[in-house]
Amino acid sequence: MIFKVTYQESKATNPKREDTKSLYIEAESDVDARALVEKNTPYNIEFVQPLDPAHLAYEQKNPDFALTEFN
């Protein structure tokens, strides 16, 4: 399943809506998606959202859409 993860780039600063970014990741569950991001980045995760097919199709229309893969 594809998940949308919203995050702040730093855990050291106060979160601001204007600085919220997102990435898309494939994982078995939201717990797995969160664990992958926490293991591979210093990001402050705000929310992990599963994308149903309609929502995924909408997100894929964004030219910046790309699945993030960690090695």
N, C-alpha and C. Protein backbone atom coordinates (compact mmCIF):
# COMPACT_ATOMS: atom_id res chain seq x y z
N MET A 1 0.85 -1.17 0.00
CA MET A 1 0.00 0.00 0.00
C MET A 1 0.89 1.24 0.00
N ILE A 2 0.41 2.31 -0.59
CA ILE A 2 1.13 3.57 -0.64
C ILE A 2 0.63 4.46 0.50
N PHE A 3 1.60 5.09 1.18
CA PHE A 3 1.29 6.00 2.28
C PHE A 3 1.85 7.37 1.99
N LYS A 4 1.12 8.40 2.41
CA LYS A 4 1.61 9.77 2.34
C LYS A 4 2.07 10.13 3.75
N VAL A 5 3.33 10.55 3.86
CA VAL A 5 3.91 10.91 5.14
C VAL A 5 4.17 12.41 5.13
N THR A 6 3.53 13.13 6.04
CA THR A 6 3.80 14.56 6.16
C THR A 6 4.79 14.74 7.31
N TYR A 7 5.73 15.68 7.12
CA TYR A 7 6.82 15.82 8.08
C TYR A 7 7.41 17.22 8.06
N GLN A 8 8.18 17.50 9.09
CA GLN A 8 9.04 18.67 9.17
C GLN A 8 10.47 18.15 9.02
N GLU A 9 11.33 18.91 8.39
CA GLU A 9 12.68 18.43 8.13
C GLU A 9 13.55 18.34 9.38
N SER A 10 13.19 19.07 10.43
CA SER A 10 14.02 19.08 11.63
C SER A 10 13.17 18.84 12.88
N LYS A 11 13.71 18.05 13.79
CA LYS A 11 13.04 17.84 15.07
C LYS A 11 13.42 18.95 16.05
N ALA A 12 14.41 19.76 15.70
CA ALA A 12 14.92 20.78 16.61
C ALA A 12 14.11 22.08 16.60
N THR A 13 13.34 22.32 15.54
CA THR A 13 12.58 23.56 15.46
C THR A 13 11.09 23.29 15.63
N ASN A 14 10.37 24.33 16.02
CA ASN A 14 8.92 24.20 16.18
C ASN A 14 8.27 23.98 14.82
N PRO A 15 7.31 23.04 14.75
CA PRO A 15 6.61 22.80 13.48
C PRO A 15 5.81 24.02 13.03
N LYS A 16 5.86 24.29 11.74
CA LYS A 16 5.07 25.36 11.13
C LYS A 16 4.39 24.78 9.91
N ARG A 17 3.14 25.08 9.75
CA ARG A 17 2.37 24.56 8.62
C ARG A 17 3.06 24.87 7.29
N GLU A 18 3.64 26.05 7.18
CA GLU A 18 4.28 26.46 5.93
C GLU A 18 5.49 25.61 5.59
N ASP A 19 6.08 24.97 6.60
CA ASP A 19 7.28 24.16 6.39
C ASP A 19 6.99 22.67 6.25
N THR A 20 5.72 22.30 6.31
CA THR A 20 5.36 20.88 6.21
C THR A 20 5.60 20.38 4.79
N LYS A 21 6.26 19.24 4.71
CA LYS A 21 6.54 18.61 3.42
C LYS A 21 5.93 17.21 3.44
N SER A 22 5.92 16.57 2.28
CA SER A 22 5.36 15.22 2.24
C SER A 22 6.20 14.33 1.34
N LEU A 23 6.13 13.05 1.63
CA LEU A 23 6.75 12.05 0.79
C LEU A 23 5.79 10.87 0.70
N TYR A 24 6.00 10.04 -0.29
CA TYR A 24 5.15 8.88 -0.52
C TYR A 24 6.02 7.64 -0.43
N ILE A 25 5.52 6.65 0.28
CA ILE A 25 6.30 5.45 0.52
C ILE A 25 5.40 4.23 0.44
N GLU A 26 5.95 3.15 -0.06
CA GLU A 26 5.21 1.89 -0.12
C GLU A 26 5.62 1.05 1.08
N ALA A 27 4.62 0.55 1.81
CA ALA A 27 4.88 -0.28 3.00
C ALA A 27 3.67 -1.16 3.27
N GLU A 28 3.86 -2.13 4.14
CA GLU A 28 2.77 -3.06 4.49
C GLU A 28 1.71 -2.40 5.37
N SER A 29 2.15 -1.48 6.26
CA SER A 29 1.22 -0.83 7.19
C SER A 29 1.73 0.57 7.51
N ASP A 30 0.89 1.37 8.16
CA ASP A 30 1.32 2.70 8.56
C ASP A 30 2.45 2.63 9.58
N VAL A 31 2.46 1.61 10.42
CA VAL A 31 3.53 1.42 11.40
C VAL A 31 4.86 1.16 10.67
N ASP A 32 4.83 0.32 9.65
CA ASP A 32 6.03 0.03 8.86
C ASP A 32 6.52 1.28 8.12
N ALA A 33 5.58 2.05 7.58
CA ALA A 33 5.94 3.27 6.86
C ALA A 33 6.62 4.25 7.81
N ARG A 34 6.06 4.44 8.99
CA ARG A 34 6.65 5.34 9.98
C ARG A 34 8.05 4.86 10.37
N ALA A 35 8.18 3.56 10.61
CA ALA A 35 9.47 3.00 11.02
C ALA A 35 10.53 3.20 9.94
N LEU A 36 10.17 3.01 8.67
CA LEU A 36 11.12 3.22 7.57
C LEU A 36 11.61 4.66 7.51
N VAL A 37 10.69 5.60 7.65
CA VAL A 37 11.07 7.01 7.59
C VAL A 37 11.91 7.38 8.80
N GLU A 38 11.52 6.93 9.98
CA GLU A 38 12.29 7.24 11.19
C GLU A 38 13.69 6.66 11.13
N LYS A 39 13.83 5.47 10.59
CA LYS A 39 15.14 4.80 10.51
C LYS A 39 16.08 5.49 9.53
N ASN A 40 15.53 6.04 8.44
CA ASN A 40 16.35 6.55 7.35
C ASN A 40 16.44 8.06 7.23
N THR A 41 15.74 8.80 8.08
CA THR A 41 15.77 10.27 8.00
C THR A 41 15.78 10.88 9.39
N PRO A 42 16.13 12.16 9.49
CA PRO A 42 16.03 12.88 10.77
C PRO A 42 14.70 13.62 10.90
N TYR A 43 13.72 13.31 10.07
CA TYR A 43 12.48 14.07 9.99
C TYR A 43 11.61 13.91 11.24
N ASN A 44 10.84 14.96 11.50
CA ASN A 44 9.82 14.96 12.53
C ASN A 44 8.50 14.61 11.84
N ILE A 45 8.05 13.39 11.97
CA ILE A 45 6.85 12.92 11.26
C ILE A 45 5.61 13.47 11.94
N GLU A 46 4.74 14.07 11.13
CA GLU A 46 3.49 14.60 11.64
C GLU A 46 2.34 13.60 11.48
N PHE A 47 2.26 12.97 10.30
CA PHE A 47 1.10 12.13 10.01
C PHE A 47 1.45 11.12 8.93
N VAL A 48 0.93 9.91 9.08
CA VAL A 48 1.08 8.87 8.07
C VAL A 48 -0.32 8.49 7.62
N GLN A 49 -0.59 8.68 6.34
CA GLN A 49 -1.94 8.48 5.81
C GLN A 49 -1.95 7.45 4.68
N PRO A 50 -2.75 6.38 4.83
CA PRO A 50 -2.87 5.44 3.71
C PRO A 50 -3.66 6.08 2.58
N LEU A 51 -3.25 5.82 1.35
CA LEU A 51 -3.93 6.41 0.20
C LEU A 51 -4.80 5.36 -0.49
N ASP A 52 -6.10 5.63 -0.53
CA ASP A 52 -6.99 4.74 -1.29
C ASP A 52 -6.78 5.04 -2.77
N PRO A 53 -7.27 4.19 -3.66
CA PRO A 53 -6.99 4.37 -5.10
C PRO A 53 -7.36 5.75 -5.66
N ALA A 54 -8.49 6.31 -5.23
CA ALA A 54 -8.90 7.62 -5.74
C ALA A 54 -7.95 8.71 -5.26
N HIS A 55 -7.58 8.66 -3.99
CA HIS A 55 -6.67 9.66 -3.45
C HIS A 55 -5.28 9.52 -4.09
N LEU A 56 -4.82 8.31 -4.29
CA LEU A 56 -3.54 8.07 -4.94
C LEU A 56 -3.54 8.63 -6.36
N ALA A 57 -4.62 8.42 -7.09
CA ALA A 57 -4.73 8.95 -8.46
C ALA A 57 -4.64 10.47 -8.45
N TYR A 58 -5.28 11.10 -7.46
CA TYR A 58 -5.21 12.56 -7.33
C TYR A 58 -3.78 13.01 -7.05
N GLU A 59 -3.12 12.37 -6.10
CA GLU A 59 -1.75 12.75 -5.73
C GLU A 59 -0.79 12.54 -6.91
N GLN A 60 -1.01 11.52 -7.72
CA GLN A 60 -0.13 11.23 -8.86
C GLN A 60 -0.22 12.29 -9.95
N LYS A 61 -1.25 13.12 -9.94
CA LYS A 61 -1.37 14.21 -10.91
C LYS A 61 -0.36 15.33 -10.63
N ASN A 62 0.15 15.39 -9.41
CA ASN A 62 1.14 16.39 -9.04
C ASN A 62 2.46 16.04 -9.73
N PRO A 63 3.07 16.97 -10.44
CA PRO A 63 4.32 16.66 -11.15
C PRO A 63 5.47 16.30 -10.20
N ASP A 64 5.37 16.65 -8.94
CA ASP A 64 6.42 16.34 -7.97
C ASP A 64 6.21 14.98 -7.31
N PHE A 65 5.17 14.26 -7.68
CA PHE A 65 4.89 12.96 -7.06
C PHE A 65 6.00 11.97 -7.42
N ALA A 66 6.52 11.32 -6.38
CA ALA A 66 7.51 10.26 -6.58
C ALA A 66 7.53 9.37 -5.34
N LEU A 67 7.63 8.09 -5.54
CA LEU A 67 7.75 7.18 -4.41
C LEU A 67 9.17 7.25 -3.86
N THR A 68 9.28 7.34 -2.56
CA THR A 68 10.57 7.36 -1.90
C THR A 68 10.97 5.94 -1.56
N GLU A 69 12.20 5.59 -1.90
CA GLU A 69 12.70 4.26 -1.58
C GLU A 69 13.99 4.41 -0.78
N PHE A 70 14.09 3.64 0.29
CA PHE A 70 15.29 3.65 1.11
C PHE A 70 16.04 2.35 0.89
N ASN A 71 17.35 2.41 0.87
CA ASN A 71 18.18 1.22 0.67
C ASN A 71 18.44 0.50 1.96
